[in-house]
């Protein structure tokens, strides 16, 4: 990553410690020095959750833009370039922040912080609020970075609505090692009297923890499966809530879990008072894009390394819950067209590789484990391969994604051509997108 903004962030990384230090006192102090820009935003949809929150944001943005709204969007982490975290709204579709604008905002925030202790993520979150307050828009979508209660974005005092997507085990060292503990952290974004929309929860205890938090905050609660629903019928997506039924196209984003994410976006926007038209909802559901989530690669060096007809899919899922929904989506692909499935997996050491691999037992012909070169927390491929073997998969370490594809395809003689799933880390996804010339725009 190069450019003025990247240079500013490199300076921050040299000055401040890496990682997370979950607290709100530092960012509140900094935002006060900046004039409290978080209080000068358009109506905010604040989105937390373990899995699906980025997709919910993508659907929400697409729907609002189809309804003629200008929408600021904050997502985290980025895949290739820091600029991906900041999309500034304009009518007709938002744009990633320009390099010079982002660099100037980062420098301004860093000067305001002076030499006070802070994390880089907190500075970059303050940049979000500064940029969004200084550029007019109709709405702001703000994705939580980690957890919720002590995440730097949780200084938003009065969002239009809060959304909590599916909760799973992840970041246990920060958030707790049980789903109910993680749910309590996510529920920390709930504000008194502000509507809360909750996505599908595979574990009932997560929904109950959130329900209790909403009751304490006197916050109106809308639960997927109780207050709103989504299901497939005759190749269409049917959405239902107290307003009635919507007959919608199926999302372009693959996987049954995206039907749920689309439903959460619709419910969240309605709860926030945006009230998009039925036509805008239909257009947005079909138009939403979210890079690195079951994204198919059809060009670039990896595609050229494969035999003709090969399918190469890319997904940043990295926890047990994500493994389950990705495995389900791949099983649906298999139902349509049967192909030998090969996993190419890289992970960092804050994840649960055994839980992730378990979702693919009985589906995969072979697993190749690869290094994650853009993180110093990558799990050694030999250790990762051992975890795959322990989960009941056939696995071996490999030097790179391209080498794994070549190992399979060089002497491939049978039909049909193979299907590859590159997964396990958003860092790995970013590396593959950069290699393929597909940095998000």
Protein backbone atom coordinates (compact mmCIF):
# COMPACT_ATOMS: atom_id res chain seq x y z
CA UNK A 1 0.00 0.00 0.00
CA UNK A 2 1.45 3.33 -1.05
CA UNK A 3 0.31 6.93 -1.03
CA UNK A 4 0.07 9.90 1.31
CA UNK A 5 -2.44 8.26 3.65
CA UNK A 6 -0.41 5.05 3.90
CA UNK A 7 2.67 7.09 4.81
CA UNK A 8 0.72 8.86 7.58
CA UNK A 9 -0.49 5.51 8.94
CA UNK A 10 3.03 4.05 8.81
CA UNK A 11 4.15 6.91 11.04
CA UNK A 12 1.33 6.16 13.46
CA UNK A 13 2.23 2.48 13.57
CA UNK A 14 5.81 3.35 14.52
CA UNK A 15 4.63 5.66 17.30
CA UNK A 16 1.71 3.77 18.82
CA UNK A 17 1.34 0.11 19.89
CA UNK A 18 -0.27 -2.38 17.53
CA UNK A 19 -3.40 -4.26 18.42
CA UNK A 20 -6.44 -3.38 20.51
CA UNK A 21 -6.85 -1.87 23.95
CA UNK A 22 -10.59 -1.84 24.47
CA UNK A 23 -11.63 1.35 26.27
CA UNK A 24 -13.39 4.60 25.37
CA UNK A 25 -11.62 7.22 27.48
CA UNK A 26 -8.81 7.85 24.96
CA UNK A 27 -11.04 8.34 21.93
CA UNK A 28 -13.50 10.50 23.87
CA UNK A 29 -10.62 12.75 24.93
CA UNK A 30 -9.43 12.97 21.33
CA UNK A 31 -12.89 13.65 19.90
CA UNK A 32 -13.39 16.45 22.43
CA UNK A 33 -10.23 18.11 21.11
CA UNK A 34 -11.63 17.75 17.58
CA UNK A 35 -14.94 19.41 18.48
CA UNK A 36 -16.95 16.19 18.96
CA UNK A 37 -17.52 15.38 15.28
CA UNK A 38 -19.38 12.17 16.27
CA UNK A 39 -22.25 14.45 17.36
CA UNK A 40 -22.42 16.10 13.93
CA UNK A 41 -23.27 13.10 11.75
CA UNK A 42 -26.30 12.32 9.59
CA UNK A 43 -28.60 9.57 10.95
CA UNK A 44 -26.43 6.56 11.82
CA UNK A 45 -27.04 2.84 11.50
CA UNK A 46 -24.55 1.27 13.94
CA UNK A 47 -23.77 -2.36 13.05
CA UNK A 48 -22.09 -4.98 15.26
CA UNK A 49 -21.85 -8.78 15.13
CA UNK A 50 -19.39 -11.60 14.53
CA UNK A 51 -20.46 -12.75 11.07
CA UNK A 52 -22.44 -10.89 8.45
CA UNK A 53 -22.11 -7.31 9.66
CA UNK A 54 -20.15 -6.25 6.58
CA UNK A 55 -22.74 -7.82 4.29
CA UNK A 56 -25.52 -6.06 6.21
CA UNK A 57 -23.72 -2.77 5.64
CA UNK A 58 -23.27 -3.57 1.94
CA UNK A 59 -26.99 -4.33 1.49
CA UNK A 60 -27.95 -1.23 3.48
CA UNK A 61 -25.75 1.03 1.39
CA UNK A 62 -27.00 -0.42 -1.89
CA UNK A 63 -30.64 -0.03 -0.85
CA UNK A 64 -30.22 3.57 0.35
CA UNK A 65 -28.28 4.55 -2.77
CA UNK A 66 -30.97 2.98 -4.94
CA UNK A 67 -33.43 5.16 -3.02
CA UNK A 68 -31.50 8.27 -4.06
CA UNK A 69 -29.72 8.82 -0.74
CA UNK A 70 -26.09 9.81 -0.21
CA UNK A 71 -24.49 7.41 2.26
CA UNK A 72 -21.27 7.55 4.27
CA UNK A 73 -19.91 4.08 5.03
CA UNK A 74 -17.29 2.94 7.55
CA UNK A 75 -16.15 -0.68 7.41
CA UNK A 76 -13.29 -2.49 9.09
CA UNK A 77 -10.85 -3.99 8.39
CA UNK A 78 -9.80 -3.10 4.86
CA UNK A 79 -8.63 -5.75 2.41
CA UNK A 80 -6.00 -4.03 0.24
CA UNK A 81 -5.97 -0.26 0.89
CA UNK A 82 -6.76 1.78 3.99
CA UNK A 83 -9.11 3.94 1.93
CA UNK A 84 -11.66 1.09 1.79
CA UNK A 85 -12.65 1.90 5.37
CA UNK A 86 -14.05 5.29 4.37
CA UNK A 87 -16.68 5.70 1.65
CA UNK A 88 -18.01 9.24 1.36
CA UNK A 89 -21.60 9.57 0.26
CA UNK A 90 -22.84 11.37 -2.79
CA UNK A 91 -26.04 11.07 -4.80
CA UNK A 92 -25.63 8.39 -7.43
CA UNK A 93 -23.20 6.32 -5.34
CA UNK A 94 -20.47 6.91 -2.81
CA UNK A 95 -16.74 6.92 -3.46
CA UNK A 96 -13.74 5.82 -1.48
CA UNK A 97 -12.08 8.81 0.15
CA UNK A 98 -9.35 10.41 -1.94
CA UNK A 99 -5.80 9.82 -0.80
CA UNK A 100 -4.96 13.47 -0.11
CA UNK A 101 -8.21 14.02 1.82
CA UNK A 102 -7.61 10.96 3.99
CA UNK A 103 -3.95 11.85 4.60
CA UNK A 104 -4.89 15.38 5.70
CA UNK A 105 -7.58 14.08 8.06
CA UNK A 106 -5.20 11.54 9.62
CA UNK A 107 -2.54 14.20 10.13
CA UNK A 108 -5.09 16.54 11.73
CA UNK A 109 -6.30 13.88 14.13
CA UNK A 110 -2.74 12.87 15.01
CA UNK A 111 -1.86 16.50 15.79
CA UNK A 112 -4.93 16.81 18.02
CA UNK A 113 -3.90 13.70 19.92
CA UNK A 114 -0.33 15.00 20.32
CA UNK A 115 1.69 12.55 22.39
CA UNK A 116 -1.19 11.06 24.40
CA UNK A 117 -1.44 7.24 24.60
CA UNK A 118 -3.82 5.86 21.99
CA UNK A 119 -4.19 3.01 19.50
CA UNK A 120 -4.01 3.42 15.75
CA UNK A 121 -7.53 2.02 15.39
CA UNK A 122 -8.83 4.76 17.70
CA UNK A 123 -7.14 7.43 15.58
CA UNK A 124 -8.60 5.94 12.41
CA UNK A 125 -12.05 5.81 14.01
CA UNK A 126 -11.75 9.47 14.93
CA UNK A 127 -10.87 10.09 11.28
CA UNK A 128 -14.17 8.43 10.36
CA UNK A 129 -16.18 10.86 12.45
CA UNK A 130 -14.17 13.85 11.25
CA UNK A 131 -14.64 12.99 7.57
CA UNK A 132 -18.31 12.12 7.95
CA UNK A 133 -19.05 15.33 9.86
CA UNK A 134 -17.37 17.54 7.27
CA UNK A 135 -19.03 16.03 4.18
CA UNK A 136 -22.85 16.28 4.04
CA UNK A 137 -24.83 13.07 3.49
CA UNK A 138 -28.27 11.63 4.16
CA UNK A 139 -27.11 8.64 6.20
CA UNK A 140 -24.05 7.05 7.78
CA UNK A 141 -23.41 3.32 8.13
CA UNK A 142 -20.84 2.60 10.84
CA UNK A 143 -19.50 -0.92 11.32
CA UNK A 144 -18.06 -1.89 14.68
CA UNK A 145 -14.41 -2.95 14.60
CA UNK A 146 -14.18 -5.38 17.54
CA UNK A 147 -16.83 -6.32 20.06
CA UNK A 148 -19.13 -3.40 20.71
CA UNK A 149 -19.22 -2.16 24.30
CA UNK A 150 -15.67 -0.79 24.26
CA UNK A 151 -15.16 -0.51 20.52
CA UNK A 152 -14.01 2.95 19.47
CA UNK A 153 -17.14 3.44 17.34
CA UNK A 154 -19.34 3.13 20.43
CA UNK A 155 -19.03 6.82 21.22
CA UNK A 156 -22.03 7.37 18.94
CA UNK A 157 -24.58 8.50 21.50
CA UNK A 158 -27.85 8.44 19.57
CA UNK A 159 -27.81 6.28 16.43
CA UNK A 160 -31.02 6.00 14.42
CA UNK A 161 -30.89 2.24 14.99
CA UNK A 162 -28.50 -0.45 16.18
CA UNK A 163 -28.02 -3.74 14.36
CA UNK A 164 -26.45 -6.91 15.75
CA UNK A 165 -25.82 -9.61 13.16
CA UNK A 166 -25.03 -13.28 13.82
CA UNK A 167 -22.80 -13.96 16.85
CA UNK A 168 -20.17 -16.68 16.94
CA UNK A 169 -16.96 -17.46 18.80
CA UNK A 170 -14.21 -15.10 17.67
CA UNK A 171 -11.59 -12.86 19.32
CA UNK A 172 -12.06 -14.91 22.50
CA UNK A 173 -8.99 -13.37 24.14
CA UNK A 174 -10.71 -9.96 24.00
CA UNK A 175 -14.42 -10.81 24.21
CA UNK A 176 -14.70 -14.04 26.20
CA UNK A 177 -14.72 -17.74 25.44
CA UNK A 178 -18.49 -18.32 25.53
CA UNK A 179 -21.13 -17.10 23.10
CA UNK A 180 -23.13 -15.43 25.87
CA UNK A 181 -20.08 -13.36 26.88
CA UNK A 182 -19.49 -12.29 23.30
CA UNK A 183 -23.19 -11.45 22.91
CA UNK A 184 -22.99 -9.23 25.98
CA UNK A 185 -20.08 -7.33 24.42
CA UNK A 186 -21.94 -6.90 21.12
CA UNK A 187 -25.07 -5.79 22.98
CA UNK A 188 -23.00 -2.98 24.46
CA UNK A 189 -23.86 -0.84 21.42
CA UNK A 190 -27.54 -0.75 22.46
CA UNK A 191 -28.63 2.76 23.46
CA UNK A 192 -31.59 3.79 25.58
CA UNK A 193 -34.77 3.99 23.51
CA UNK A 194 -32.99 3.28 20.21
CA UNK A 195 -34.42 0.43 18.07
CA UNK A 196 -32.34 -2.76 17.96
CA UNK A 197 -32.48 -5.20 15.04
CA UNK A 198 -30.96 -8.65 15.65
CA UNK A 199 -29.99 -11.17 12.99
CA UNK A 200 -30.28 -14.96 13.08
CA UNK A 201 -28.68 -16.50 16.17
CA UNK A 202 -27.83 -20.19 15.98
CA UNK A 203 -27.47 -20.27 19.77
CA UNK A 204 -30.56 -19.16 21.68
CA UNK A 205 -28.47 -17.86 24.58
CA UNK A 206 -27.07 -15.09 22.35
CA UNK A 207 -30.55 -13.82 21.49
CA UNK A 208 -31.60 -13.94 25.14
CA UNK A 209 -28.58 -11.91 26.27
CA UNK A 210 -29.37 -9.26 23.66
CA UNK A 211 -33.07 -9.31 24.55
CA UNK A 212 -32.25 -8.68 28.21
CA UNK A 213 -29.94 -5.79 27.29
CA UNK A 214 -32.66 -4.23 25.11
CA UNK A 215 -35.20 -4.53 27.94
CA UNK A 216 -32.83 -2.80 30.36
CA UNK A 217 -32.30 0.02 27.85
CA UNK A 218 -36.04 0.26 27.01
CA UNK A 219 -34.96 -0.22 23.39
CA UNK A 220 -37.53 -1.56 20.89
CA UNK A 221 -36.33 -4.99 19.75
CA UNK A 222 -36.80 -6.72 16.38
CA UNK A 223 -35.55 -10.31 16.22
CA UNK A 224 -35.01 -12.32 13.04
CA UNK A 225 -37.33 -15.32 13.15
CA UNK A 226 -39.79 -13.57 15.46
CA UNK A 227 -40.44 -10.08 14.12
CA UNK A 228 -39.15 -10.39 10.57
CA UNK A 229 -38.33 -13.29 8.26
CA UNK A 230 -36.78 -14.15 4.91
CA UNK A 231 -37.14 -17.30 2.83
CA UNK A 232 -36.68 -18.50 -0.73
CA UNK A 233 -39.72 -19.28 -2.85
CA UNK A 234 -39.77 -20.03 -6.57
CA UNK A 235 -36.31 -18.56 -7.05
CA UNK A 236 -37.24 -15.32 -5.27
CA UNK A 237 -36.50 -13.86 -1.85
CA UNK A 238 -39.60 -13.26 0.25
CA UNK A 239 -39.23 -10.81 3.14
CA UNK A 240 -41.92 -10.50 5.79
CA UNK A 241 -42.46 -8.17 8.73
CA UNK A 242 -45.34 -6.20 10.25
CA UNK A 243 -45.54 -4.14 7.06
CA UNK A 244 -46.39 -7.26 5.04
CA UNK A 245 -44.57 -9.24 2.35
CA UNK A 246 -41.96 -8.14 -0.15
CA UNK A 247 -41.30 -10.24 -3.26
CA UNK A 248 -37.64 -9.58 -4.06
CA UNK A 249 -34.89 -10.93 -6.32
CA UNK A 250 -32.38 -13.27 -4.75
CA UNK A 251 -29.19 -11.50 -3.66
CA UNK A 252 -26.27 -11.57 -6.06
CA UNK A 253 -24.05 -12.39 -3.08
CA UNK A 254 -23.90 -16.20 -2.94
CA UNK A 255 -25.07 -18.32 -0.01
CA UNK A 256 -28.31 -18.79 1.91
CA UNK A 257 -26.87 -16.72 4.76
CA UNK A 258 -27.03 -13.66 2.51
CA UNK A 259 -30.82 -13.90 2.49
CA UNK A 260 -30.71 -13.41 6.23
CA UNK A 261 -28.23 -10.56 5.96
CA UNK A 262 -30.43 -8.85 3.37
CA UNK A 263 -33.43 -9.20 5.68
CA UNK A 264 -31.48 -7.69 8.59
CA UNK A 265 -30.54 -4.74 6.38
CA UNK A 266 -34.17 -4.13 5.39
CA UNK A 267 -35.36 -4.36 8.99
CA UNK A 268 -32.53 -2.12 10.18
CA UNK A 269 -33.24 0.60 7.64
CA UNK A 270 -36.95 0.54 8.42
CA UNK A 271 -36.28 0.66 12.16
CA UNK A 272 -33.97 3.64 11.63
CA UNK A 273 -36.75 5.52 9.84
CA UNK A 274 -35.18 5.60 6.39
CA UNK A 275 -38.24 3.88 4.83
CA UNK A 276 -36.75 2.99 1.42
CA UNK A 277 -39.21 2.26 -1.37
CA UNK A 278 -40.00 -1.31 -2.35
CA UNK A 279 -38.33 -0.71 -5.71
CA UNK A 280 -35.16 0.58 -4.03
CA UNK A 281 -35.05 -2.47 -1.77
CA UNK A 282 -35.34 -4.79 -4.77
CA UNK A 283 -32.65 -2.89 -6.69
CA UNK A 284 -30.31 -2.76 -3.71
CA UNK A 285 -30.65 -6.47 -2.87
CA UNK A 286 -29.64 -7.34 -6.41
CA UNK A 287 -26.88 -4.72 -6.70
CA UNK A 288 -25.07 -5.17 -3.37
CA UNK A 289 -21.42 -6.16 -3.60
CA UNK A 290 -19.06 -7.18 -0.80
CA UNK A 291 -15.52 -8.08 -1.92
CA UNK A 292 -13.88 -11.19 -0.55
CA UNK A 293 -17.12 -12.87 0.48
CA UNK A 294 -17.63 -15.87 -1.79
CA UNK A 295 -16.15 -13.82 -4.59
CA UNK A 296 -15.31 -15.76 -7.73
CA UNK A 297 -11.96 -15.13 -9.42
CA UNK A 298 -12.07 -15.48 -13.19
CA UNK A 299 -8.93 -13.62 -14.27
CA UNK A 300 -5.41 -12.93 -13.08
CA UNK A 301 -2.43 -15.15 -12.27
CA UNK A 302 -4.38 -17.62 -10.13
CA UNK A 303 -6.95 -18.23 -12.83
CA UNK A 304 -4.15 -18.64 -15.38
CA UNK A 305 -2.48 -21.24 -13.15
CA UNK A 306 -5.61 -23.40 -13.19
CA UNK A 307 -6.91 -25.79 -15.84
CA UNK A 308 -9.76 -24.50 -18.03
CA UNK A 309 -13.14 -24.68 -16.34
CA UNK A 310 -11.74 -24.43 -12.81
CA UNK A 311 -13.75 -22.48 -10.24
CA UNK A 312 -11.78 -20.33 -7.78
CA UNK A 313 -13.71 -18.81 -4.88
CA UNK A 314 -12.46 -16.40 -2.24
CA UNK A 315 -13.92 -15.84 1.22
CA UNK A 316 -12.57 -14.16 4.33
CA UNK A 317 -14.51 -16.33 6.77
CA UNK A 318 -12.26 -17.36 9.66
CA UNK A 319 -14.27 -18.62 12.64
CA UNK A 320 -16.43 -21.69 13.29
CA UNK A 321 -19.69 -19.86 12.52
CA UNK A 322 -18.33 -18.58 9.25
CA UNK A 323 -17.04 -22.05 8.41
CA UNK A 324 -20.56 -23.45 8.72
CA UNK A 325 -22.22 -20.92 6.41
CA UNK A 326 -19.41 -21.08 3.84
CA UNK A 327 -19.55 -24.88 3.86
CA UNK A 328 -23.31 -24.72 3.34
CA UNK A 329 -22.89 -22.33 0.41
CA UNK A 330 -20.25 -24.58 -1.18
CA UNK A 331 -22.54 -27.58 -0.68
CA UNK A 332 -25.21 -25.71 -2.65
CA UNK A 333 -22.68 -25.18 -5.44
CA UNK A 334 -21.95 -28.90 -5.33
CA UNK A 335 -25.65 -29.69 -5.65
CA UNK A 336 -25.75 -27.66 -8.87
CA UNK A 337 -22.40 -28.75 -10.36
CA UNK A 338 -20.29 -31.47 -8.77
CA UNK A 339 -16.56 -30.72 -8.65
CA UNK A 340 -13.64 -31.92 -6.50
CA UNK A 341 -13.20 -29.34 -3.73
CA UNK A 342 -9.78 -28.14 -2.54
CA UNK A 343 -9.32 -25.69 0.34
CA UNK A 344 -6.44 -23.23 0.43
CA UNK A 345 -6.32 -21.82 3.94
CA UNK A 346 -4.24 -19.22 5.77
CA UNK A 347 -5.07 -18.02 9.28
CA UNK A 348 -3.80 -15.77 12.05
CA UNK A 349 -3.28 -16.97 15.59
CA UNK A 350 -6.36 -15.31 17.13
CA UNK A 351 -8.63 -17.79 15.32
CA UNK A 352 -9.87 -21.32 16.01
CA UNK A 353 -8.64 -23.39 13.07
CA UNK A 354 -9.98 -26.70 14.38
CA UNK A 355 -13.51 -25.30 14.69
CA UNK A 356 -13.29 -23.77 11.24
CA UNK A 357 -12.02 -26.94 9.55
CA UNK A 358 -14.64 -29.11 11.24
CA UNK A 359 -17.38 -27.56 9.09
CA UNK A 360 -15.80 -29.01 5.93
CA UNK A 361 -15.38 -32.62 7.07
CA UNK A 362 -16.54 -35.01 4.35
CA UNK A 363 -16.62 -32.29 1.68
CA UNK A 364 -12.99 -31.66 0.82
CA UNK A 365 -10.60 -33.73 -1.25
CA UNK A 366 -7.50 -31.96 0.11
CA UNK A 367 -6.42 -28.91 2.13
CA UNK A 368 -3.37 -26.77 1.40
CA UNK A 369 -2.28 -24.48 4.24
CA UNK A 370 -0.37 -21.33 3.29
CA UNK A 371 1.41 -18.46 5.08
CA UNK A 372 -0.26 -15.09 5.63
CA UNK A 373 2.54 -12.77 4.60
CA UNK A 374 0.82 -9.46 5.45
CA UNK A 375 0.42 -10.29 9.15
CA UNK A 376 3.07 -11.11 11.73
CA UNK A 377 0.42 -13.19 13.54
CA UNK A 378 0.03 -15.81 10.82
CA UNK A 379 -0.18 -19.46 11.90
CA UNK A 380 2.70 -21.56 10.58
CA UNK A 381 1.35 -23.64 7.65
CA UNK A 382 2.73 -26.84 9.23
CA UNK A 383 0.78 -26.19 12.43
CA UNK A 384 -2.32 -25.22 10.46
CA UNK A 385 -2.10 -28.43 8.43
CA UNK A 386 -1.93 -30.43 11.68
CA UNK A 387 -5.17 -28.74 12.80
CA UNK A 388 -6.86 -29.68 9.53
CA UNK A 389 -5.72 -33.28 9.93
CA UNK A 390 -7.01 -33.32 13.52
CA UNK A 391 -10.38 -32.16 12.16
CA UNK A 392 -10.44 -35.18 9.87
CA UNK A 393 -9.22 -33.59 6.63
CA UNK A 394 -6.33 -34.55 4.37
CA UNK A 395 -3.88 -31.64 4.46
CA UNK A 396 -0.37 -30.45 3.71
CA UNK A 397 1.52 -27.14 3.98
CA UNK A 398 2.34 -25.12 0.89
CA UNK A 399 4.37 -21.99 0.14
CA UNK A 400 1.66 -19.96 -1.59
CA UNK A 401 -1.85 -19.94 -3.02
CA UNK A 402 -0.53 -20.06 -6.57
CA UNK A 403 1.68 -23.04 -5.78
CA UNK A 404 -1.30 -24.91 -4.32
CA UNK A 405 -3.32 -24.35 -7.47
CA UNK A 406 -0.42 -25.46 -9.66
CA UNK A 407 0.14 -28.60 -7.58
CA UNK A 408 -3.43 -29.66 -8.31
CA UNK A 409 -3.73 -28.47 -11.89
CA UNK A 410 -0.36 -29.25 -13.48
CA UNK A 411 -1.22 -32.87 -14.19
CA UNK A 412 -5.00 -32.66 -13.91
CA UNK A 413 -6.56 -35.14 -16.34
CA UNK A 414 -10.05 -35.89 -15.05
CA UNK A 415 -13.42 -34.23 -15.48
CA UNK A 416 -14.88 -32.02 -14.18
CA UNK A 417 -12.30 -29.32 -13.41
CA UNK A 418 -11.64 -28.65 -9.71
CA UNK A 419 -13.19 -26.09 -7.39
CA UNK A 420 -10.88 -24.11 -5.07
CA UNK A 421 -11.95 -22.20 -1.98
CA UNK A 422 -9.33 -19.75 -0.68
CA UNK A 423 -10.30 -18.82 2.87
CA UNK A 424 -9.41 -18.46 6.54
CA UNK A 425 -8.29 -14.85 6.87
CA UNK A 426 -9.17 -11.40 5.56
CA UNK A 427 -5.42 -10.78 5.35
CA UNK A 428 -5.15 -13.68 2.91
CA UNK A 429 -8.13 -12.36 0.97
CA UNK A 430 -6.41 -8.99 0.67
CA UNK A 431 -3.23 -10.63 -0.60
CA UNK A 432 -5.16 -12.54 -3.27
CA UNK A 433 -7.15 -9.49 -4.37
CA UNK A 434 -3.96 -7.43 -4.64
CA UNK A 435 -2.26 -10.20 -6.63
CA UNK A 436 -5.28 -10.37 -8.93
CA UNK A 437 -5.52 -6.61 -9.47
CA UNK A 438 -8.94 -6.55 -7.78
CA UNK A 439 -8.51 -4.05 -4.96
CA UNK A 440 -11.98 -2.80 -3.89
CA UNK A 441 -13.00 0.52 -5.42
